C-alpha atoms as a PDB file:
ATOM      1  CA  UNK A   1     -22.331  25.437  -3.873  1.00  0.00           C
ATOM      2  CA  UNK A   2     -21.846  21.880  -2.593  1.00  0.00           C
ATOM      3  CA  UNK A   3     -18.765  21.905  -0.047  1.00  0.00           C
ATOM      4  CA  UNK A   4     -17.103  18.698  -1.964  1.00  0.00           C
ATOM      5  CA  UNK A   5     -17.436  20.785  -5.115  1.00  0.00           C
ATOM      6  CA  UNK A   6     -15.051  23.800  -3.933  1.00  0.00           C
ATOM      7  CA  UNK A   7     -11.681  23.670  -5.119  1.00  0.00           C
ATOM      8  CA  UNK A   8      -9.811  24.075  -1.979  1.00  0.00           C
ATOM      9  CA  UNK A   9      -6.473  25.320  -3.401  1.00  0.00           C
ATOM     10  CA  UNK A  10      -8.172  27.906  -5.957  1.00  0.00           C
ATOM     11  CA  UNK A  11     -10.009  29.311  -3.492  1.00  0.00           C
ATOM     12  CA  UNK A  12      -6.815  29.827  -1.195  1.00  0.00           C
ATOM     13  CA  UNK A  13      -5.094  31.079  -3.878  1.00  0.00           C
ATOM     14  CA  UNK A  14      -7.556  33.937  -5.369  1.00  0.00           C
ATOM     15  CA  UNK A  15      -8.511  35.161  -1.802  1.00  0.00           C
ATOM     16  CA  UNK A  16      -4.712  34.897  -0.725  1.00  0.00           C
ATOM     17  CA  UNK A  17      -4.419  38.879  -0.666  1.00  0.00           C
ATOM     18  CA  UNK A  18      -7.697  39.552   1.385  1.00  0.00           C
ATOM     19  CA  UNK A  19      -6.172  37.220   4.744  1.00  0.00           C
ATOM     20  CA  UNK A  20      -5.061  38.505   7.909  1.00  0.00           C
ATOM     21  CA  UNK A  21      -1.706  37.299   8.722  1.00  0.00           C
ATOM     22  CA  UNK A  22      -2.784  34.131  10.784  1.00  0.00           C
ATOM     23  CA  UNK A  23      -5.018  33.347   7.885  1.00  0.00           C
ATOM     24  CA  UNK A  24      -1.927  33.911   5.273  1.00  0.00           C
ATOM     25  CA  UNK A  25      -0.099  31.561   7.488  1.00  0.00           C
ATOM     26  CA  UNK A  26      -2.563  28.310   7.651  1.00  0.00           C
ATOM     27  CA  UNK A  27      -3.018  29.116   3.726  1.00  0.00           C
ATOM     28  CA  UNK A  28       0.930  29.024   3.260  1.00  0.00           C
ATOM     29  CA  UNK A  29       0.872  25.623   5.670  1.00  0.00           C
ATOM     30  CA  UNK A  30      -1.900  24.188   3.192  1.00  0.00           C
ATOM     31  CA  UNK A  31      -0.094  24.987  -0.123  1.00  0.00           C
ATOM     32  CA  UNK A  32       2.830  23.888   1.040  1.00  0.00           C
ATOM     33  CA  UNK A  33       1.813  20.174   1.391  1.00  0.00           C
ATOM     34  CA  UNK A  34      -1.675  19.696   1.024  1.00  0.00           C
ATOM     35  CA  UNK A  35      -1.395  15.812   1.572  1.00  0.00           C
ATOM     36  CA  UNK A  36      -0.418  16.527   5.487  1.00  0.00           C
ATOM     37  CA  UNK A  37      -3.595  18.132   6.019  1.00  0.00           C
ATOM     38  CA  UNK A  38      -5.582  15.000   5.087  1.00  0.00           C
ATOM     39  CA  UNK A  39      -3.509  12.730   7.421  1.00  0.00           C
ATOM     40  CA  UNK A  40      -3.780  15.589  10.277  1.00  0.00           C
ATOM     41  CA  UNK A  41      -6.152  16.463  12.993  1.00  0.00           C
ATOM     42  CA  UNK A  42      -7.204  20.153  13.491  1.00  0.00           C
ATOM     43  CA  UNK A  43      -5.151  20.039  17.070  1.00  0.00           C
ATOM     44  CA  UNK A  44      -2.239  18.942  14.668  1.00  0.00           C
ATOM     45  CA  UNK A  45      -2.555  21.621  12.464  1.00  0.00           C
ATOM     46  CA  UNK A  46      -3.390  24.184  15.216  1.00  0.00           C
ATOM     47  CA  UNK A  47      -0.239  23.291  17.250  1.00  0.00           C
ATOM     48  CA  UNK A  48       2.361  22.950  14.576  1.00  0.00           C
ATOM     49  CA  UNK A  49       1.613  26.577  13.328  1.00  0.00           C
ATOM     50  CA  UNK A  50       0.867  27.458  17.210  1.00  0.00           C
ATOM     51  CA  UNK A  51      -2.686  29.035  16.635  1.00  0.00           C
ATOM     52  CA  UNK A  52      -5.865  27.923  18.001  1.00  0.00           C
ATOM     53  CA  UNK A  53      -7.790  25.499  17.406  1.00  0.00           C
ATOM     54  CA  UNK A  54     -10.647  27.881  16.854  1.00  0.00           C
ATOM     55  CA  UNK A  55      -8.423  30.517  13.849  1.00  0.00           C
ATOM     56  CA  UNK A  56      -7.916  26.941  12.093  1.00  0.00           C
ATOM     57  CA  UNK A  57     -11.883  26.458  12.473  1.00  0.00           C
ATOM     58  CA  UNK A  58     -13.170  29.992  11.353  1.00  0.00           C
ATOM     59  CA  UNK A  59     -10.601  30.048   8.214  1.00  0.00           C
ATOM     60  CA  UNK A  60     -12.204  26.667   7.092  1.00  0.00           C
ATOM     61  CA  UNK A  61     -15.464  28.982   7.347  1.00  0.00           C
ATOM     62  CA  UNK A  62     -13.974  31.789   5.629  1.00  0.00           C
ATOM     63  CA  UNK A  63     -13.753  29.049   2.405  1.00  0.00           C
ATOM     64  CA  UNK A  64     -17.229  28.343   2.345  1.00  0.00           C
ATOM     65  CA  UNK A  65     -16.826  24.785   4.299  1.00  0.00           C
ATOM     66  CA  UNK A  66     -18.423  23.694   7.666  1.00  0.00           C
ATOM     67  CA  UNK A  67     -15.682  23.309   9.338  1.00  0.00           C
ATOM     68  CA  UNK A  68     -11.851  21.523   9.149  1.00  0.00           C
ATOM     69  CA  UNK A  69     -13.773  17.536   8.446  1.00  0.00           C
ATOM     70  CA  UNK A  70     -15.491  19.076   5.268  1.00  0.00           C
ATOM     71  CA  UNK A  71     -12.406  20.906   3.913  1.00  0.00           C
ATOM     72  CA  UNK A  72     -10.510  17.641   4.710  1.00  0.00           C
ATOM     73  CA  UNK A  73     -12.915  15.912   2.277  1.00  0.00           C
ATOM     74  CA  UNK A  74     -12.785  18.321  -0.305  1.00  0.00           C
ATOM     75  CA  UNK A  75      -9.180  18.907  -0.138  1.00  0.00           C
ATOM     76  CA  UNK A  76      -8.464  14.849  -0.457  1.00  0.00           C
ATOM     77  CA  UNK A  77     -11.442  14.567  -3.657  1.00  0.00           C
ATOM     78  CA  UNK A  78      -8.816  17.934  -5.199  1.00  0.00           C
ATOM     79  CA  UNK A  79      -5.721  15.720  -4.007  1.00  0.00           C
ATOM     80  CA  UNK A  80      -7.096  12.505  -5.933  1.00  0.00           C
ATOM     81  CA  UNK A  81      -9.008  14.378  -9.258  1.00  0.00           C
ATOM     82  CA  UNK A  82     -10.863  13.107 -11.558  1.00  0.00           C
ATOM     83  CA  UNK A  83     -12.266  11.032  -8.927  1.00  0.00           C
ATOM     84  CA  UNK A  84     -15.535  12.646  -7.991  1.00  0.00           C
ATOM     85  CA  UNK A  85     -16.543  12.970  -4.532  1.00  0.00           C
ATOM     86  CA  UNK A  86     -20.353  13.198  -3.711  1.00  0.00           C
ATOM     87  CA  UNK A  87     -19.917  13.005   0.034  1.00  0.00           C
ATOM     88  CA  UNK A  88     -23.281  13.717   1.566  1.00  0.00           C
ATOM     89  CA  UNK A  89     -24.600  14.451   5.023  1.00  0.00           C
ATOM     90  CA  UNK A  90     -26.826  11.816   6.563  1.00  0.00           C
ATOM     91  CA  UNK A  91     -30.169  13.774   7.492  1.00  0.00           C
ATOM     92  CA  UNK A  92     -33.197  12.921   9.447  1.00  0.00           C
ATOM     93  CA  UNK A  93     -35.567  12.878   6.766  1.00  0.00           C
ATOM     94  CA  UNK A  94     -33.473  10.873   4.505  1.00  0.00           C
ATOM     95  CA  UNK A  95     -35.376   7.673   2.868  1.00  0.00           C
ATOM     96  CA  UNK A  96     -33.879   4.389   4.047  1.00  0.00           C
ATOM     97  CA  UNK A  97     -32.431   4.024   0.455  1.00  0.00           C
ATOM     98  CA  UNK A  98     -31.031   7.495   0.323  1.00  0.00           C
ATOM     99  CA  UNK A  99     -29.707   6.671   3.768  1.00  0.00           C
ATOM    100  CA  UNK A 100     -28.179   2.754   1.973  1.00  0.00           C
ATOM    101  CA  UNK A 101     -27.153   4.871  -1.016  1.00  0.00           C
ATOM    102  CA  UNK A 102     -24.700   7.680   1.158  1.00  0.00           C
ATOM    103  CA  UNK A 103     -23.538   4.994   3.336  1.00  0.00           C
ATOM    104  CA  UNK A 104     -22.243   2.969  -0.015  1.00  0.00           C
ATOM    105  CA  UNK A 105     -20.937   6.015  -1.396  1.00  0.00           C
ATOM    106  CA  UNK A 106     -18.842   6.808   1.755  1.00  0.00           C
ATOM    107  CA  UNK A 107     -17.313   3.749   1.706  1.00  0.00           C
ATOM    108  CA  UNK A 108     -16.690   3.673  -1.837  1.00  0.00           C
ATOM    109  CA  UNK A 109     -15.048   7.096  -1.089  1.00  0.00           C
ATOM    110  CA  UNK A 110     -12.657   6.198   1.497  1.00  0.00           C
ATOM    111  CA  UNK A 111     -11.376   3.180  -0.428  1.00  0.00           C
ATOM    112  CA  UNK A 112     -10.953   5.685  -4.019  1.00  0.00           C
ATOM    113  CA  UNK A 113      -9.020   7.981  -2.072  1.00  0.00           C
ATOM    114  CA  UNK A 114      -6.848   5.450  -0.019  1.00  0.00           C
ATOM    115  CA  UNK A 115      -5.885   3.756  -3.278  1.00  0.00           C
ATOM    116  CA  UNK A 116      -4.798   7.077  -4.795  1.00  0.00           C
ATOM    117  CA  UNK A 117      -3.017   8.683  -1.676  1.00  0.00           C
ATOM    118  CA  UNK A 118      -0.689   5.201  -1.475  1.00  0.00           C
ATOM    119  CA  UNK A 119       3.293   6.032  -1.589  1.00  0.00           C
ATOM    120  CA  UNK A 120       4.603   3.466  -3.903  1.00  0.00           C
ATOM    121  CA  UNK A 121       8.116   3.297  -1.886  1.00  0.00           C
ATOM    122  CA  UNK A 122       6.037   2.507   1.495  1.00  0.00           C
ATOM    123  CA  UNK A 123       3.615  -0.079   0.168  1.00  0.00           C
ATOM    124  CA  UNK A 124       6.624  -1.736  -1.698  1.00  0.00           C
ATOM    125  CA  UNK A 125       8.736  -1.778   1.878  1.00  0.00           C
ATOM    126  CA  UNK A 126       5.867  -2.942   3.638  1.00  0.00           C
ATOM    127  CA  UNK A 127       5.082  -5.895   1.653  1.00  0.00           C
ATOM    128  CA  UNK A 128       9.234  -7.101   1.584  1.00  0.00           C
ATOM    129  CA  UNK A 129       9.309  -7.122   5.045  1.00  0.00           C
ATOM    130  CA  UNK A 130       6.433  -9.850   4.825  1.00  0.00           C
ATOM    131  CA  UNK A 131       7.942 -11.504   2.174  1.00  0.00           C
ATOM    132  CA  UNK A 132      10.937 -11.963   4.032  1.00  0.00           C
ATOM    133  CA  UNK A 133       9.328 -13.095   7.589  1.00  0.00           C
ATOM    134  CA  UNK A 134       9.157 -16.403   9.253  1.00  0.00           C
ATOM    135  CA  UNK A 135       5.651 -15.082  10.423  1.00  0.00           C
ATOM    136  CA  UNK A 136       3.538 -12.251  10.879  1.00  0.00           C
ATOM    137  CA  UNK A 137       1.305 -10.984  13.999  1.00  0.00           C
ATOM    138  CA  UNK A 138      -1.673  -8.707  13.228  1.00  0.00           C
ATOM    139  CA  UNK A 139      -2.095  -6.119  16.090  1.00  0.00           C
ATOM    140  CA  UNK A 140      -5.330  -3.444  16.785  1.00  0.00           C
ATOM    141  CA  UNK A 141      -7.884  -2.732  19.767  1.00  0.00           C
ATOM    142  CA  UNK A 142     -11.083  -2.033  19.455  1.00  0.00           C
ATOM    143  CA  UNK A 143     -12.455  -1.709  15.972  1.00  0.00           C
ATOM    144  CA  UNK A 144      -9.083  -2.067  14.797  1.00  0.00           C
ATOM    145  CA  UNK A 145      -9.223  -5.543  16.225  1.00  0.00           C
ATOM    146  CA  UNK A 146     -11.482  -6.259  13.564  1.00  0.00           C
ATOM    147  CA  UNK A 147      -9.032  -5.142  10.372  1.00  0.00           C
ATOM    148  CA  UNK A 148      -6.472  -7.387  12.828  1.00  0.00           C
ATOM    149  CA  UNK A 149      -8.462 -10.480  12.618  1.00  0.00           C
ATOM    150  CA  UNK A 150      -9.528  -9.874   8.716  1.00  0.00           C
ATOM    151  CA  UNK A 151      -5.406  -9.718   8.513  1.00  0.00           C
ATOM    152  CA  UNK A 152      -4.916 -13.285  10.493  1.00  0.00           C
ATOM    153  CA  UNK A 153      -7.765 -14.873   8.488  1.00  0.00           C
ATOM    154  CA  UNK A 154      -6.238 -13.309   5.084  1.00  0.00           C
ATOM    155  CA  UNK A 155      -2.477 -14.674   5.649  1.00  0.00           C
ATOM    156  CA  UNK A 156      -3.558 -17.971   7.054  1.00  0.00           C
ATOM    157  CA  UNK A 157      -4.739 -18.882   2.966  1.00  0.00           C
ATOM    158  CA  UNK A 158      -0.998 -17.866   2.189  1.00  0.00           C
ATOM    159  CA  UNK A 159       0.631 -20.085   4.102  1.00  0.00           C
ATOM    160  CA  UNK A 160       2.289 -17.432   6.427  1.00  0.00           C
ATOM    161  CA  UNK A 161       2.032 -18.264   9.903  1.00  0.00           C
ATOM    162  CA  UNK A 162      -0.458 -15.558  11.022  1.00  0.00           C
ATOM    163  CA  UNK A 163      -2.105 -14.190  14.317  1.00  0.00           C
ATOM    164  CA  UNK A 164      -3.785 -11.671  15.551  1.00  0.00           C
ATOM    165  CA  UNK A 165      -3.950 -10.251  18.829  1.00  0.00           C
ATOM    166  CA  UNK A 166      -6.648  -7.795  20.392  1.00  0.00           C
ATOM    167  CA  UNK A 167      -6.375  -8.295  24.096  1.00  0.00           C
ATOM    168  CA  UNK A 168      -3.927  -5.938  25.565  1.00  0.00           C
ATOM    169  CA  UNK A 169      -2.399  -8.128  28.143  1.00  0.00           C
ATOM    170  CA  UNK A 170      -1.599 -10.888  25.034  1.00  0.00           C
ATOM    171  CA  UNK A 171      -0.178  -8.321  22.560  1.00  0.00           C
ATOM    172  CA  UNK A 172       2.583  -7.141  24.903  1.00  0.00           C
ATOM    173  CA  UNK A 173       3.315 -11.308  25.641  1.00  0.00           C
ATOM    174  CA  UNK A 174       3.279 -12.366  21.881  1.00  0.00           C
ATOM    175  CA  UNK A 175       5.144  -9.200  20.578  1.00  0.00           C
ATOM    176  CA  UNK A 176       7.765 -10.072  23.579  1.00  0.00           C
ATOM    177  CA  UNK A 177       8.176 -13.391  21.810  1.00  0.00           C
ATOM    178  CA  UNK A 178       8.781 -11.973  18.109  1.00  0.00           C
ATOM    179  CA  UNK A 179      12.542 -11.672  16.346  1.00  0.00           C
ATOM    180  CA  UNK A 180      13.919 -10.042  13.785  1.00  0.00           C
ATOM    181  CA  UNK A 181      13.007 -12.401  11.515  1.00  0.00           C
ATOM    182  CA  UNK A 182       9.074 -11.821  11.661  1.00  0.00           C
ATOM    183  CA  UNK A 183       6.587  -9.020  10.888  1.00  0.00           C
ATOM    184  CA  UNK A 184       4.277  -7.008  12.957  1.00  0.00           C
ATOM    185  CA  UNK A 185       1.264  -5.338  11.351  1.00  0.00           C
ATOM    186  CA  UNK A 186       0.012  -2.990  14.183  1.00  0.00           C
ATOM    187  CA  UNK A 187      -3.496  -1.064  13.088  1.00  0.00           C
ATOM    188  CA  UNK A 188      -4.775   2.366  14.711  1.00  0.00           C
ATOM    189  CA  UNK A 189      -7.007   4.973  13.532  1.00  0.00           C
ATOM    190  CA  UNK A 190      -6.546   8.007  15.568  1.00  0.00           C
ATOM    191  CA  UNK A 191      -2.578   6.952  15.940  1.00  0.00           C
ATOM    192  CA  UNK A 192      -2.818   7.806  19.750  1.00  0.00           C
ATOM    193  CA  UNK A 193      -3.569   4.628  21.430  1.00  0.00           C
ATOM    194  CA  UNK A 194      -1.170   4.000  24.367  1.00  0.00           C
ATOM    195  CA  UNK A 195      -1.635   0.217  24.750  1.00  0.00           C
ATOM    196  CA  UNK A 196      -0.923  -0.189  20.837  1.00  0.00           C
ATOM    197  CA  UNK A 197       1.986   2.354  21.321  1.00  0.00           C
ATOM    198  CA  UNK A 198       3.881   0.054  23.844  1.00  0.00           C
ATOM    199  CA  UNK A 199       3.361  -2.853  22.009  1.00  0.00           C
ATOM    200  CA  UNK A 200       5.146  -1.393  19.117  1.00  0.00           C
ATOM    201  CA  UNK A 201       7.796  -0.154  21.714  1.00  0.00           C
ATOM    202  CA  UNK A 202       8.534  -3.923  22.475  1.00  0.00           C
ATOM    203  CA  UNK A 203       8.145  -5.073  19.037  1.00  0.00           C
ATOM    204  CA  UNK A 204      10.938  -2.557  18.156  1.00  0.00           C
ATOM    205  CA  UNK A 205      13.299  -3.473  21.291  1.00  0.00           C
ATOM    206  CA  UNK A 206      13.200  -7.445  20.107  1.00  0.00           C
ATOM    207  CA  UNK A 207      14.600  -5.789  15.987  1.00  0.00           C
ATOM    208  CA  UNK A 208      11.157  -6.763  14.562  1.00  0.00           C
ATOM    209  CA  UNK A 209      10.332  -4.952  11.680  1.00  0.00           C
ATOM    210  CA  UNK A 210       6.863  -2.733  12.099  1.00  0.00           C
ATOM    211  CA  UNK A 211       3.878  -1.723   9.680  1.00  0.00           C
ATOM    212  CA  UNK A 212       1.337   0.488  10.290  1.00  0.00           C
ATOM    213  CA  UNK A 213      -1.668   1.316   8.837  1.00  0.00           C
ATOM    214  CA  UNK A 214      -3.465   4.566  10.140  1.00  0.00           C
ATOM    215  CA  UNK A 215      -5.310   7.417   9.066  1.00  0.00           C
ATOM    216  CA  UNK A 216      -2.911  10.636  10.303  1.00  0.00           C
ATOM    217  CA  UNK A 217       0.281  11.019   9.098  1.00  0.00           C
ATOM    218  CA  UNK A 218       1.695  13.238  12.247  1.00  0.00           C
ATOM    219  CA  UNK A 219       0.776  10.863  15.117  1.00  0.00           C
ATOM    220  CA  UNK A 220       2.997   9.109  17.770  1.00  0.00           C
ATOM    221  CA  UNK A 221       2.477   5.686  15.809  1.00  0.00           C
ATOM    222  CA  UNK A 222       3.347   7.063  12.061  1.00  0.00           C
ATOM    223  CA  UNK A 223       6.677   7.705  13.848  1.00  0.00           C
ATOM    224  CA  UNK A 224       7.013   4.922  16.159  1.00  0.00           C
ATOM    225  CA  UNK A 225       6.855   1.915  12.877  1.00  0.00           C
ATOM    226  CA  UNK A 226       9.420   1.025  10.017  1.00  0.00           C
ATOM    227  CA  UNK A 227       7.038   1.455   7.784  1.00  0.00           C
ATOM    228  CA  UNK A 228       3.374   3.057   7.638  1.00  0.00           C
ATOM    229  CA  UNK A 229       0.336   3.245   5.496  1.00  0.00           C
ATOM    230  CA  UNK A 230      -2.265   5.317   5.326  1.00  0.00           C
ATOM    231  CA  UNK A 231      -6.260   6.159   5.200  1.00  0.00           C
ATOM    232  CA  UNK A 232      -8.549   8.752   4.075  1.00  0.00           C
ATOM    233  CA  UNK A 233     -11.958   8.897   5.275  1.00  0.00           C
ATOM    234  CA  UNK A 234     -14.808  10.880   5.704  1.00  0.00           C
ATOM    235  CA  UNK A 235     -17.419  11.377   8.309  1.00  0.00           C
ATOM    236  CA  UNK A 236     -21.195  11.788   8.189  1.00  0.00           C
ATOM    237  CA  UNK A 237     -23.623  12.172  10.545  1.00  0.00           C
ATOM    238  CA  UNK A 238     -24.107   9.219  12.947  1.00  0.00           C
ATOM    239  CA  UNK A 239     -20.795   7.623  11.782  1.00  0.00           C
ATOM    240  CA  UNK A 240     -17.372   8.227  12.416  1.00  0.00           C
ATOM    241  CA  UNK A 241     -14.597   8.781   9.998  1.00  0.00           C
ATOM    242  CA  UNK A 242     -13.095   5.613  11.876  1.00  0.00           C
ATOM    243  CA  UNK A 243     -15.599   3.399  11.050  1.00  0.00           C
ATOM    244  CA  UNK A 244     -15.239   4.451   7.400  1.00  0.00           C
ATOM    245  CA  UNK A 245     -12.125   3.776   7.407  1.00  0.00           C
ATOM    246  CA  UNK A 246     -12.139   0.301   8.696  1.00  0.00           C
ATOM    247  CA  UNK A 247     -12.996  -0.391   4.440  1.00  0.00           C
ATOM    248  CA  UNK A 248      -9.873   1.061   4.000  1.00  0.00           C
ATOM    249  CA  UNK A 249      -7.970  -0.949   6.210  1.00  0.00           C
ATOM    250  CA  UNK A 250      -8.885  -3.849   4.952  1.00  0.00           C
ATOM    251  CA  UNK A 251      -8.327  -3.184   1.523  1.00  0.00           C
ATOM    252  CA  UNK A 252      -4.738  -2.420   2.095  1.00  0.00           C
ATOM    253  CA  UNK A 253      -4.193  -5.497   4.021  1.00  0.00           C
ATOM    254  CA  UNK A 254      -6.039  -7.577   1.135  1.00  0.00           C
ATOM    255  CA  UNK A 255      -3.705  -5.716  -1.624  1.00  0.00           C
ATOM    256  CA  UNK A 256      -0.826  -6.716   0.394  1.00  0.00           C
ATOM    257  CA  UNK A 257      -1.787 -10.227   0.592  1.00  0.00           C
ATOM    258  CA  UNK A 258      -2.589 -10.779  -2.684  1.00  0.00           C
ATOM    259  CA  UNK A 259       0.947  -9.548  -3.530  1.00  0.00           C
ATOM    260  CA  UNK A 260       2.211 -11.973  -1.158  1.00  0.00           C
ATOM    261  CA  UNK A 261       0.394 -14.542  -2.729  1.00  0.00           C
ATOM    262  CA  UNK A 262       1.636 -13.797  -6.288  1.00  0.00           C
ATOM    263  CA  UNK A 263       4.857 -13.526  -5.000  1.00  0.00           C
ATOM    264  CA  UNK A 264       4.894 -16.885  -2.982  1.00  0.00           C
ATOM    265  CA  UNK A 265       2.633 -18.246  -5.567  1.00  0.00           C
ATOM    266  CA  UNK A 266       3.653 -22.374  -4.687  1.00  0.00           C
ATOM    267  CA  UNK A 267       3.106 -22.132  -1.051  1.00  0.00           C
ATOM    268  CA  UNK A 268       0.017 -20.274  -1.629  1.00  0.00           C
ATOM    269  CA  UNK A 269      -1.566 -22.592  -3.851  1.00  0.00           C
ATOM    270  CA  UNK A 270      -0.551 -25.142  -1.454  1.00  0.00           C
ATOM    271  CA  UNK A 271      -1.779 -23.806   1.389  1.00  0.00           C
ATOM    272  CA  UNK A 272      -4.841 -23.040   0.110  1.00  0.00           C
ATOM    273  CA  UNK A 273      -5.269 -26.836  -1.352  1.00  0.00           C
ATOM    274  CA  UNK A 274      -4.783 -27.924   2.550  1.00  0.00           C
ATOM    275  CA  UNK A 275      -7.187 -25.559   4.044  1.00  0.00           C
ATOM    276  CA  UNK A 276      -9.966 -26.073   1.001  1.00  0.00           C
ATOM    277  CA  UNK A 277      -9.762 -29.949   1.840  1.00  0.00           C
ATOM    278  CA  UNK A 278      -9.882 -29.459   6.103  1.00  0.00           C
ATOM    279  CA  UNK A 279     -12.714 -27.236   5.531  1.00  0.00           C
ATOM    280  CA  UNK A 280     -15.002 -29.318   3.353  1.00  0.00           C
ATOM    281  CA  UNK A 281     -15.162 -31.735   6.149  1.00  0.00           C
ATOM    282  CA  UNK A 282     -17.850 -28.688   7.313  1.00  0.00           C
ATOM    283  CA  UNK A 283     -19.826 -28.840   4.120  1.00  0.00           C
ATOM    284  CA  UNK A 284     -22.645 -31.503   3.475  1.00  0.00           C
END
């Protein structure tokens, strides 16, 4: 049976009486808050339960999964049912078209899972922060910097002054100039980037409303920002979950941008008209 088709919660409940005491402890942890598992690393789960990482890994194997990551993907699929998870590993003997299809499906899954787990309350709060802001800064390092730049590119079209910073020194300098009338949106896949956490701290000291986008709910980053939005991304061979999460991050930013444009319709239309007129100079 393919891992993706396994029903995590059903298998846990049906095998519960056969588990050891430590296995029951892990089982109770998953059943009590399955969504938390989707956003937690194996180290975080092990720390919470005060067990070894290997104990959690063996539990996943006992349920029929290759490991913790595979269990997370199947659990995410179960939580967003009836979405069908057809996540597949990329193999060396796959054809070019097979690999292409699997990459596309991994991207589709990341976006669908991310959409389904969004908290309406958190999304509304994040949108309210942006709607009330006089300007917005986007911060991200490495691959997350690409998403930050996309945020600036999108919101510039809405008429809201927007800036993106990917250099750690410029991030600190820019954040130090923000006020409580502005907004800062931070992007960190792992939620453990020390440099970005320092920028969040500077923004918080200035009373700046902060929004975060990350893949891990239990992280220093998710606790530091005022409002956090989460992504879910499957990991495949030759492609880390961080790469798949990029499209989910872009989709969250896109959803915020479109909502903002609807709320600020006249402002957005005026800004877009000016931008199109300016860009037309570049066309023959």
